[in-house]
PDB file of all heavy atoms in Angstrom:
ATOM      1  N   ILE A   1     116.219 100.199 147.257  1.00  0.00           N
ATOM      2  CA  ILE A   1     116.138 101.617 147.624  1.00  0.00           C
ATOM      3  C   ILE A   1     114.698 101.989 147.998  1.00  0.00           C
ATOM      4  O   ILE A   1     114.453 102.641 149.014  1.00  0.00           O
ATOM      5  CB  ILE A   1     116.643 102.520 146.475  1.00  0.00           C
ATOM      6  CG1 ILE A   1     118.157 102.360 146.300  1.00  0.00           C
ATOM      7  CG2 ILE A   1     116.294 103.987 146.748  1.00  0.00           C
ATOM      8  CD1 ILE A   1     118.707 103.120 145.098  1.00  0.00           C
ATOM      9  N   LEU A   2     113.773 101.544 147.175  1.00  0.00           N
ATOM     10  CA  LEU A   2     112.367 101.858 147.445  1.00  0.00           C
ATOM     11  C   LEU A   2     111.885 101.186 148.720  1.00  0.00           C
ATOM     12  O   LEU A   2     111.128 101.784 149.505  1.00  0.00           O
ATOM     13  CB  LEU A   2     111.498 101.438 146.253  1.00  0.00           C
ATOM     14  CG  LEU A   2     111.680 102.286 144.993  1.00  0.00           C
ATOM     15  CD1 LEU A   2     110.964 101.652 143.803  1.00  0.00           C
ATOM     16  CD2 LEU A   2     111.137 103.702 145.219  1.00  0.00           C
ATOM     17  N   SER A   3     112.308  99.946 148.967  1.00  0.00           N
ATOM     18  CA  SER A   3     111.945  99.261 150.207  1.00  0.00           C
ATOM     19  C   SER A   3     112.465 100.027 151.413  1.00  0.00           C
ATOM     20  O   SER A   3     111.746 100.239 152.387  1.00  0.00           O
ATOM     21  CB  SER A   3     112.510  97.832 150.219  1.00  0.00           C
ATOM     22  OG  SER A   3     111.792  96.990 149.347  1.00  0.00           O
ATOM     23  N   GLU A   4     113.722 100.438 151.331  1.00  0.00           N
ATOM     24  CA  GLU A   4     114.362 101.115 152.467  1.00  0.00           C
ATOM     25  C   GLU A   4     113.801 102.503 152.707  1.00  0.00           C
ATOM     26  O   GLU A   4     113.601 102.911 153.855  1.00  0.00           O
ATOM     27  CB  GLU A   4     115.872 101.205 152.212  1.00  0.00           C
ATOM     28  CG  GLU A   4     116.677 101.824 153.348  1.00  0.00           C
ATOM     29  CD  GLU A   4     116.736 100.927 154.574  1.00  0.00           C
ATOM     30  OE1 GLU A   4     116.627  99.687 154.431  1.00  0.00           O
ATOM     31  OE2 GLU A   4     116.903 101.479 155.684  1.00  0.00           O
ATOM     32  N   CYS A   5     113.553 103.234 151.628  1.00  0.00           N
ATOM     33  CA  CYS A   5     113.225 104.661 151.763  1.00  0.00           C
ATOM     34  C   CYS A   5     111.744 104.986 151.587  1.00  0.00           C
ATOM     35  O   CYS A   5     111.250 105.969 152.160  1.00  0.00           O
ATOM     36  CB  CYS A   5     114.027 105.473 150.748  1.00  0.00           C
ATOM     37  SG  CYS A   5     115.818 105.293 150.900  1.00  0.00           S
ATOM     38  N   GLU A   6     111.034 104.189 150.803  1.00  0.00           N
ATOM     39  CA  GLU A   6     109.660 104.538 150.462  1.00  0.00           C
ATOM     40  C   GLU A   6     108.626 103.504 150.926  1.00  0.00           C
ATOM     41  O   GLU A   6     107.434 103.795 150.931  1.00  0.00           O
ATOM     42  CB  GLU A   6     109.521 104.728 148.944  1.00  0.00           C
ATOM     43  CG  GLU A   6     110.489 105.737 148.340  1.00  0.00           C
ATOM     44  CD  GLU A   6     110.202 107.169 148.770  1.00  0.00           C
ATOM     45  OE1 GLU A   6     109.071 107.426 149.235  1.00  0.00           O
ATOM     46  OE2 GLU A   6     111.102 108.024 148.634  1.00  0.00           O
ATOM     47  N   GLY A   7     109.088 102.305 151.263  1.00  0.00           N
ATOM     48  CA  GLY A   7     108.168 101.292 151.767  1.00  0.00           C
ATOM     49  C   GLY A   7     107.922 100.145 150.802  1.00  0.00           C
ATOM     50  O   GLY A   7     108.223 100.222 149.606  1.00  0.00           O
ATOM     51  N   LYS A   8     107.378  99.082 151.348  1.00  0.00           N
ATOM     52  CA  LYS A   8     107.152  97.846 150.590  1.00  0.00           C
ATOM     53  C   LYS A   8     106.203  98.059 149.415  1.00  0.00           C
ATOM     54  O   LYS A   8     106.391  97.503 148.333  1.00  0.00           O
ATOM     55  CB  LYS A   8     106.593  96.774 151.528  1.00  0.00           C
ATOM     56  CG  LYS A   8     106.425  95.408 150.899  1.00  0.00           C
ATOM     57  CD  LYS A   8     105.959  94.400 151.944  1.00  0.00           C
ATOM     58  CE  LYS A   8     105.825  93.005 151.356  1.00  0.00           C
ATOM     59  NZ  LYS A   8     105.368  92.026 152.386  1.00  0.00           N
ATOM     60  N   ARG A   9     105.155  98.850 149.612  1.00  0.00           N
ATOM     61  CA  ARG A   9     104.162  99.077 148.560  1.00  0.00           C
ATOM     62  C   ARG A   9     104.802  99.716 147.331  1.00  0.00           C
ATOM     63  O   ARG A   9     104.510  99.322 146.189  1.00  0.00           O
ATOM     64  CB  ARG A   9     103.042  99.961 149.089  1.00  0.00           C
ATOM     65  CG  ARG A   9     101.931 100.214 148.080  1.00  0.00           C
ATOM     66  CD  ARG A   9     100.839 101.055 148.704  1.00  0.00           C
ATOM     67  NE  ARG A   9      99.777 101.336 147.743  1.00  0.00           N
ATOM     68  CZ  ARG A   9      98.698 102.072 148.025  1.00  0.00           C
ATOM     69  NH1 ARG A   9      98.530 102.568 149.238  1.00  0.00           N
ATOM     70  NH2 ARG A   9      97.788 102.288 147.095  1.00  0.00           N
ATOM     71  N   GLU A  10     105.671 100.697 147.527  1.00  0.00           N
ATOM     72  CA  GLU A  10     106.320 101.377 146.407  1.00  0.00           C
ATOM     73  C   GLU A  10     107.326 100.459 145.717  1.00  0.00           C
ATOM     74  O   GLU A  10     107.504 100.528 144.491  1.00  0.00           O
ATOM     75  CB  GLU A  10     107.008 102.654 146.895  1.00  0.00           C
ATOM     76  CG  GLU A  10     106.073 103.662 147.546  1.00  0.00           C
ATOM     77  CD  GLU A  10     104.915 104.034 146.628  1.00  0.00           C
ATOM     78  OE1 GLU A  10     105.169 104.439 145.487  1.00  0.00           O
ATOM     79  OE2 GLU A  10     103.752 103.891 147.059  1.00  0.00           O
ATOM     80  N   ALA A  11     107.993  99.601 146.484  1.00  0.00           N
ATOM     81  CA  ALA A  11     108.925  98.653 145.881  1.00  0.00           C
ATOM     82  C   ALA A  11     108.185  97.674 144.975  1.00  0.00           C
ATOM     83  O   ALA A  11     108.632  97.375 143.863  1.00  0.00           O
ATOM     84  CB  ALA A  11     109.674  97.893 146.983  1.00  0.00           C
ATOM     85  N   ASN A  12     107.045  97.179 145.452  1.00  0.00           N
ATOM     86  CA  ASN A  12     106.250  96.269 144.624  1.00  0.00           C
ATOM     87  C   ASN A  12     105.691  96.982 143.389  1.00  0.00           C
ATOM     88  O   ASN A  12     105.547  96.363 142.322  1.00  0.00           O
ATOM     89  CB  ASN A  12     105.107  95.671 145.439  1.00  0.00           C
ATOM     90  CG  ASN A  12     105.556  94.500 146.300  1.00  0.00           C
ATOM     91  OD1 ASN A  12     106.386  93.703 145.885  1.00  0.00           O
ATOM     92  ND2 ASN A  12     105.028  94.395 147.502  1.00  0.00           N
ATOM     93  N   LYS A  13     105.410  98.274 143.526  1.00  0.00           N
ATOM     94  CA  LYS A  13     104.926  99.039 142.374  1.00  0.00           C
ATOM     95  C   LYS A  13     105.985  99.076 141.279  1.00  0.00           C
ATOM     96  O   LYS A  13     105.662  98.961 140.083  1.00  0.00           O
ATOM     97  CB  LYS A  13     104.552 100.462 142.803  1.00  0.00           C
ATOM     98  CG  LYS A  13     103.885 101.281 141.700  1.00  0.00           C
ATOM     99  CD  LYS A  13     103.573 102.696 142.168  1.00  0.00           C
ATOM    100  CE  LYS A  13     102.490 102.716 143.218  1.00  0.00           C
ATOM    101  NZ  LYS A  13     102.109 104.108 143.584  1.00  0.00           N
ATOM    102  N   ALA A  14     107.255  99.220 141.661  1.00  0.00           N
ATOM    103  CA  ALA A  14     108.340  99.206 140.680  1.00  0.00           C
ATOM    104  C   ALA A  14     108.414  97.859 139.967  1.00  0.00           C
ATOM    105  O   ALA A  14     108.687  97.794 138.763  1.00  0.00           O
ATOM    106  CB  ALA A  14     109.672  99.517 141.365  1.00  0.00           C
ATOM    107  N   VAL A  15     108.166  96.778 140.709  1.00  0.00           N
ATOM    108  CA  VAL A  15     108.154  95.442 140.100  1.00  0.00           C
ATOM    109  C   VAL A  15     107.049  95.350 139.054  1.00  0.00           C
ATOM    110  O   VAL A  15     107.272  94.865 137.933  1.00  0.00           O
ATOM    111  CB  VAL A  15     107.958  94.356 141.176  1.00  0.00           C
ATOM    112  CG1 VAL A  15     107.821  92.978 140.520  1.00  0.00           C
ATOM    113  CG2 VAL A  15     109.122  94.358 142.163  1.00  0.00           C
ATOM    114  N   PHE A  16     105.861  95.828 139.386  1.00  0.00           N
ATOM    115  CA  PHE A  16     104.738  95.751 138.455  1.00  0.00           C
ATOM    116  C   PHE A  16     104.957  96.651 137.233  1.00  0.00           C
ATOM    117  O   PHE A  16     104.533  96.319 136.126  1.00  0.00           O
ATOM    118  CB  PHE A  16     103.435  96.120 139.166  1.00  0.00           C
ATOM    119  CG  PHE A  16     103.080  95.159 140.274  1.00  0.00           C
ATOM    120  CD1 PHE A  16     102.602  95.624 141.489  1.00  0.00           C
ATOM    121  CD2 PHE A  16     103.231  93.798 140.103  1.00  0.00           C
ATOM    122  CE1 PHE A  16     102.282  94.744 142.512  1.00  0.00           C
ATOM    123  CE2 PHE A  16     102.911  92.906 141.110  1.00  0.00           C
ATOM    124  CZ  PHE A  16     102.437  93.378 142.319  1.00  0.00           C
ATOM    125  N   ILE A  17     105.634  97.778 137.438  1.00  0.00           N
ATOM    126  CA  ILE A  17     105.992  98.642 136.305  1.00  0.00           C
ATOM    127  C   ILE A  17     106.947  97.904 135.369  1.00  0.00           C
ATOM    128  O   ILE A  17     106.820  97.972 134.142  1.00  0.00           O
ATOM    129  CB  ILE A  17     106.629  99.957 136.799  1.00  0.00           C
ATOM    130  CG1 ILE A  17     105.561 100.850 137.443  1.00  0.00           C
ATOM    131  CG2 ILE A  17     107.321 100.701 135.648  1.00  0.00           C
ATOM    132  CD1 ILE A  17     106.115 102.073 138.134  1.00  0.00           C
ATOM    133  N   GLY A  18     107.907  97.171 135.935  1.00  0.00           N
ATOM    134  CA  GLY A  18     108.826  96.393 135.127  1.00  0.00           C
ATOM    135  C   GLY A  18     108.121  95.300 134.337  1.00  0.00           C
ATOM    136  O   GLY A  18     108.423  95.061 133.165  1.00  0.00           O
ATOM    137  N   ILE A  19     107.147  94.644 134.963  1.00  0.00           N
ATOM    138  CA  ILE A  19     106.369  93.604 134.283  1.00  0.00           C
ATOM    139  C   ILE A  19     105.560  94.213 133.141  1.00  0.00           C
ATOM    140  O   ILE A  19     105.537  93.686 132.022  1.00  0.00           O
ATOM    141  CB  ILE A  19     105.433  92.890 135.286  1.00  0.00           C
ATOM    142  CG1 ILE A  19     106.266  92.100 136.306  1.00  0.00           C
ATOM    143  CG2 ILE A  19     104.470  91.956 134.551  1.00  0.00           C
ATOM    144  CD1 ILE A  19     105.445  91.540 137.453  1.00  0.00           C
ATOM    145  N   PHE A  20     104.896  95.332 133.410  1.00  0.00           N
ATOM    146  CA  PHE A  20     104.112  96.002 132.365  1.00  0.00           C
ATOM    147  C   PHE A  20     104.997  96.437 131.210  1.00  0.00           C
ATOM    148  O   PHE A  20     104.635  96.269 130.032  1.00  0.00           O
ATOM    149  CB  PHE A  20     103.389  97.216 132.955  1.00  0.00           C
ATOM    150  CG  PHE A  20     102.618  98.008 131.936  1.00  0.00           C
ATOM    151  CD1 PHE A  20     101.340  97.626 131.557  1.00  0.00           C
ATOM    152  CD2 PHE A  20     103.178  99.137 131.337  1.00  0.00           C
ATOM    153  CE1 PHE A  20     100.633  98.338 130.604  1.00  0.00           C
ATOM    154  CE2 PHE A  20     102.484  99.857 130.394  1.00  0.00           C
ATOM    155  CZ  PHE A  20     101.202  99.459 130.018  1.00  0.00           C
ATOM    156  N   SER A  21     106.174  96.993 131.532  1.00  0.00           N
ATOM    157  CA  SER A  21     107.100  97.449 130.492  1.00  0.00           C
ATOM    158  C   SER A  21     107.546  96.291 129.609  1.00  0.00           C
ATOM    159  O   SER A  21     107.635  96.423 128.378  1.00  0.00           O
ATOM    160  CB  SER A  21     108.327  98.111 131.131  1.00  0.00           C
ATOM    161  OG  SER A  21     107.957  99.231 131.901  1.00  0.00           O
ATOM    162  N   SER A  22     107.827  95.148 130.218  1.00  0.00           N
ATOM    163  CA  SER A  22     108.252  93.980 129.451  1.00  0.00           C
ATOM    164  C   SER A  22     107.138  93.486 128.536  1.00  0.00           C
ATOM    165  O   SER A  22     107.387  93.125 127.376  1.00  0.00           O
ATOM    166  CB  SER A  22     108.692  92.855 130.398  1.00  0.00           C
ATOM    167  OG  SER A  22     109.865  93.203 131.086  1.00  0.00           O
ATOM    168  N   LEU A  23     105.922  93.443 129.053  1.00  0.00           N
ATOM    169  CA  LEU A  23     104.778  93.020 128.237  1.00  0.00           C
ATOM    170  C   LEU A  23     104.558  93.966 127.064  1.00  0.00           C
ATOM    171  O   LEU A  23     104.333  93.531 125.927  1.00  0.00           O
ATOM    172  CB  LEU A  23     103.514  92.953 129.099  1.00  0.00           C
ATOM    173  CG  LEU A  23     103.270  91.670 129.881  1.00  0.00           C
ATOM    174  CD1 LEU A  23     102.070  91.841 130.812  1.00  0.00           C
ATOM    175  CD2 LEU A  23     103.062  90.485 128.947  1.00  0.00           C
ATOM    176  N   PHE A  24     104.622  95.257 127.333  1.00  0.00           N
ATOM    177  CA  PHE A  24     104.446  96.268 126.299  1.00  0.00           C
ATOM    178  C   PHE A  24     105.499  96.096 125.201  1.00  0.00           C
ATOM    179  O   PHE A  24     105.194  96.093 124.004  1.00  0.00           O
ATOM    180  CB  PHE A  24     104.541  97.661 126.918  1.00  0.00           C
ATOM    181  CG  PHE A  24     104.483  98.784 125.924  1.00  0.00           C
ATOM    182  CD1 PHE A  24     103.263  99.247 125.444  1.00  0.00           C
ATOM    183  CD2 PHE A  24     105.650  99.391 125.468  1.00  0.00           C
ATOM    184  CE1 PHE A  24     103.214 100.283 124.516  1.00  0.00           C
ATOM    185  CE2 PHE A  24     105.609 100.425 124.549  1.00  0.00           C
ATOM    186  CZ  PHE A  24     104.388 100.875 124.070  1.00  0.00           C
ATOM    187  N   PHE A  25     106.751  95.942 125.624  1.00  0.00           N
ATOM    188  CA  PHE A  25     107.843  95.798 124.666  1.00  0.00           C
ATOM    189  C   PHE A  25     107.720  94.503 123.876  1.00  0.00           C
ATOM    190  O   PHE A  25     107.990  94.473 122.660  1.00  0.00           O
ATOM    191  CB  PHE A  25     109.187  95.852 125.396  1.00  0.00           C
ATOM    192  CG  PHE A  25     110.357  95.626 124.492  1.00  0.00           C
ATOM    193  CD1 PHE A  25     110.707  96.556 123.524  1.00  0.00           C
ATOM    194  CD2 PHE A  25     111.117  94.474 124.598  1.00  0.00           C
ATOM    195  CE1 PHE A  25     111.777  96.357 122.685  1.00  0.00           C
ATOM    196  CE2 PHE A  25     112.200  94.259 123.761  1.00  0.00           C
ATOM    197  CZ  PHE A  25     112.535  95.198 122.803  1.00  0.00           C
ATOM    198  N   LEU A  26     107.325  93.417 124.539  1.00  0.00           N
ATOM    199  CA  LEU A  26     107.172  92.136 123.853  1.00  0.00           C
ATOM    200  C   LEU A  26     106.160  92.231 122.728  1.00  0.00           C
ATOM    201  O   LEU A  26     106.432  91.839 121.589  1.00  0.00           O
ATOM    202  CB  LEU A  26     106.740  91.061 124.856  1.00  0.00           C
ATOM    203  CG  LEU A  26     106.334  89.702 124.273  1.00  0.00           C
ATOM    204  CD1 LEU A  26     107.508  89.060 123.557  1.00  0.00           C
ATOM    205  CD2 LEU A  26     105.793  88.793 125.362  1.00  0.00           C
ATOM    206  N   LEU A  27     104.985  92.788 123.023  1.00  0.00           N
ATOM    207  CA  LEU A  27     103.928  92.882 122.019  1.00  0.00           C
ATOM    208  C   LEU A  27     104.303  93.845 120.896  1.00  0.00           C
ATOM    209  O   LEU A  27     104.079  93.561 119.717  1.00  0.00           O
ATOM    210  CB  LEU A  27     102.624  93.316 122.683  1.00  0.00           C
ATOM    211  CG  LEU A  27     102.045  92.325 123.695  1.00  0.00           C
ATOM    212  CD1 LEU A  27     100.823  92.929 124.395  1.00  0.00           C
ATOM    213  CD2 LEU A  27     101.666  91.017 123.022  1.00  0.00           C
ATOM    214  N   LEU A  28     104.891  94.992 121.266  1.00  0.00           N
ATOM    215  CA  LEU A  28     105.237  95.987 120.260  1.00  0.00           C
ATOM    216  C   LEU A  28     106.361  95.494 119.351  1.00  0.00           C
ATOM    217  O   LEU A  28     106.271  95.617 118.119  1.00  0.00           O
ATOM    218  CB  LEU A  28     105.655  97.297 120.930  1.00  0.00           C
ATOM    219  CG  LEU A  28     105.956  98.462 119.977  1.00  0.00           C
ATOM    220  CD1 LEU A  28     104.696  98.852 119.198  1.00  0.00           C
ATOM    221  CD2 LEU A  28     106.499  99.664 120.738  1.00  0.00           C
ATOM    222  N   SER A  29     107.408  94.914 119.924  1.00  0.00           N
ATOM    223  CA  SER A  29     108.550  94.475 119.117  1.00  0.00           C
ATOM    224  C   SER A  29     108.159  93.345 118.171  1.00  0.00           C
ATOM    225  O   SER A  29     108.679  93.268 117.051  1.00  0.00           O
ATOM    226  CB  SER A  29     109.708  94.031 120.014  1.00  0.00           C
ATOM    227  OG  SER A  29     109.338  92.911 120.799  1.00  0.00           O
ATOM    228  N   GLN A  30     107.234  92.492 118.589  1.00  0.00           N
ATOM    229  CA  GLN A  30     106.810  91.409 117.701  1.00  0.00           C
ATOM    230  C   GLN A  30     105.934  91.932 116.558  1.00  0.00           C
ATOM    231  O   GLN A  30     105.896  91.339 115.474  1.00  0.00           O
ATOM    232  CB  GLN A  30     106.069  90.340 118.504  1.00  0.00           C
ATOM    233  CG  GLN A  30     106.965  89.586 119.468  1.00  0.00           C
ATOM    234  CD  GLN A  30     108.242  89.088 118.811  1.00  0.00           C
ATOM    235  OE1 GLN A  30     108.206  88.222 117.930  1.00  0.00           O
ATOM    236  NE2 GLN A  30     109.385  89.631 119.223  1.00  0.00           N
ATOM    237  N   SER A  31     105.238  93.053 116.820  1.00  0.00           N
ATOM    238  CA  SER A  31     104.422  93.631 115.743  1.00  0.00           C
ATOM    239  C   SER A  31     105.296  94.189 114.630  1.00  0.00           C
ATOM    240  O   SER A  31     104.877  94.251 113.470  1.00  0.00           O
ATOM    241  CB  SER A  31     103.514  94.742 116.299  1.00  0.00           C
ATOM    242  OG  SER A  31     104.242  95.922 116.586  1.00  0.00           O
ATOM    243  N   TRP A  32     106.532  94.594 114.947  1.00  0.00           N
ATOM    244  CA  TRP A  32     107.436  95.119 113.930  1.00  0.00           C
ATOM    245  C   TRP A  32     107.745  94.058 112.869  1.00  0.00           C
ATOM    246  O   TRP A  32     107.980  94.393 111.704  1.00  0.00           O
ATOM    247  CB  TRP A  32     108.765  95.567 114.566  1.00  0.00           C
ATOM    248  CG  TRP A  32     108.622  96.647 115.593  1.00  0.00           C
ATOM    249  CD1 TRP A  32     107.584  97.515 115.739  1.00  0.00           C
ATOM    250  CD2 TRP A  32     109.563  96.973 116.617  1.00  0.00           C
ATOM    251  NE1 TRP A  32     107.803  98.358 116.800  1.00  0.00           N
ATOM    252  CE2 TRP A  32     109.015  98.050 117.362  1.00  0.00           C
ATOM    253  CE3 TRP A  32     110.802  96.469 116.998  1.00  0.00           C
ATOM    254  CZ2 TRP A  32     109.670  98.620 118.451  1.00  0.00           C
ATOM    255  CZ3 TRP A  32     111.461  97.035 118.082  1.00  0.00           C
ATOM    256  CH2 TRP A  32     110.893  98.096 118.788  1.00  0.00           C
ATOM    257  N   LEU A  33     107.735  92.803 113.274  1.00  0.00           N
ATOM    258  CA  LEU A  33     108.090  91.720 112.361  1.00  0.00           C
ATOM    259  C   LEU A  33     106.975  91.396 111.375  1.00  0.00           C
ATOM    260  O   LEU A  33     107.202  90.689 110.390  1.00  0.00           O
ATOM    261  CB  LEU A  33     108.454  90.460 113.157  1.00  0.00           C
ATOM    262  CG  LEU A  33     109.517  90.627 114.245  1.00  0.00           C
ATOM    263  CD1 LEU A  33     109.783  89.295 114.929  1.00  0.00           C
ATOM    264  CD2 LEU A  33     110.801  91.212 113.682  1.00  0.00           C
TER     265      LEU A  33
END
């Protein structure tokens, strides 16, 4: 959707947001243990 409507740069931004979110969750969830 972002590629089609907003451009390649915005689509890649969504990918990087997903990577950051996964890293954040990985570190935080392991700290719970």
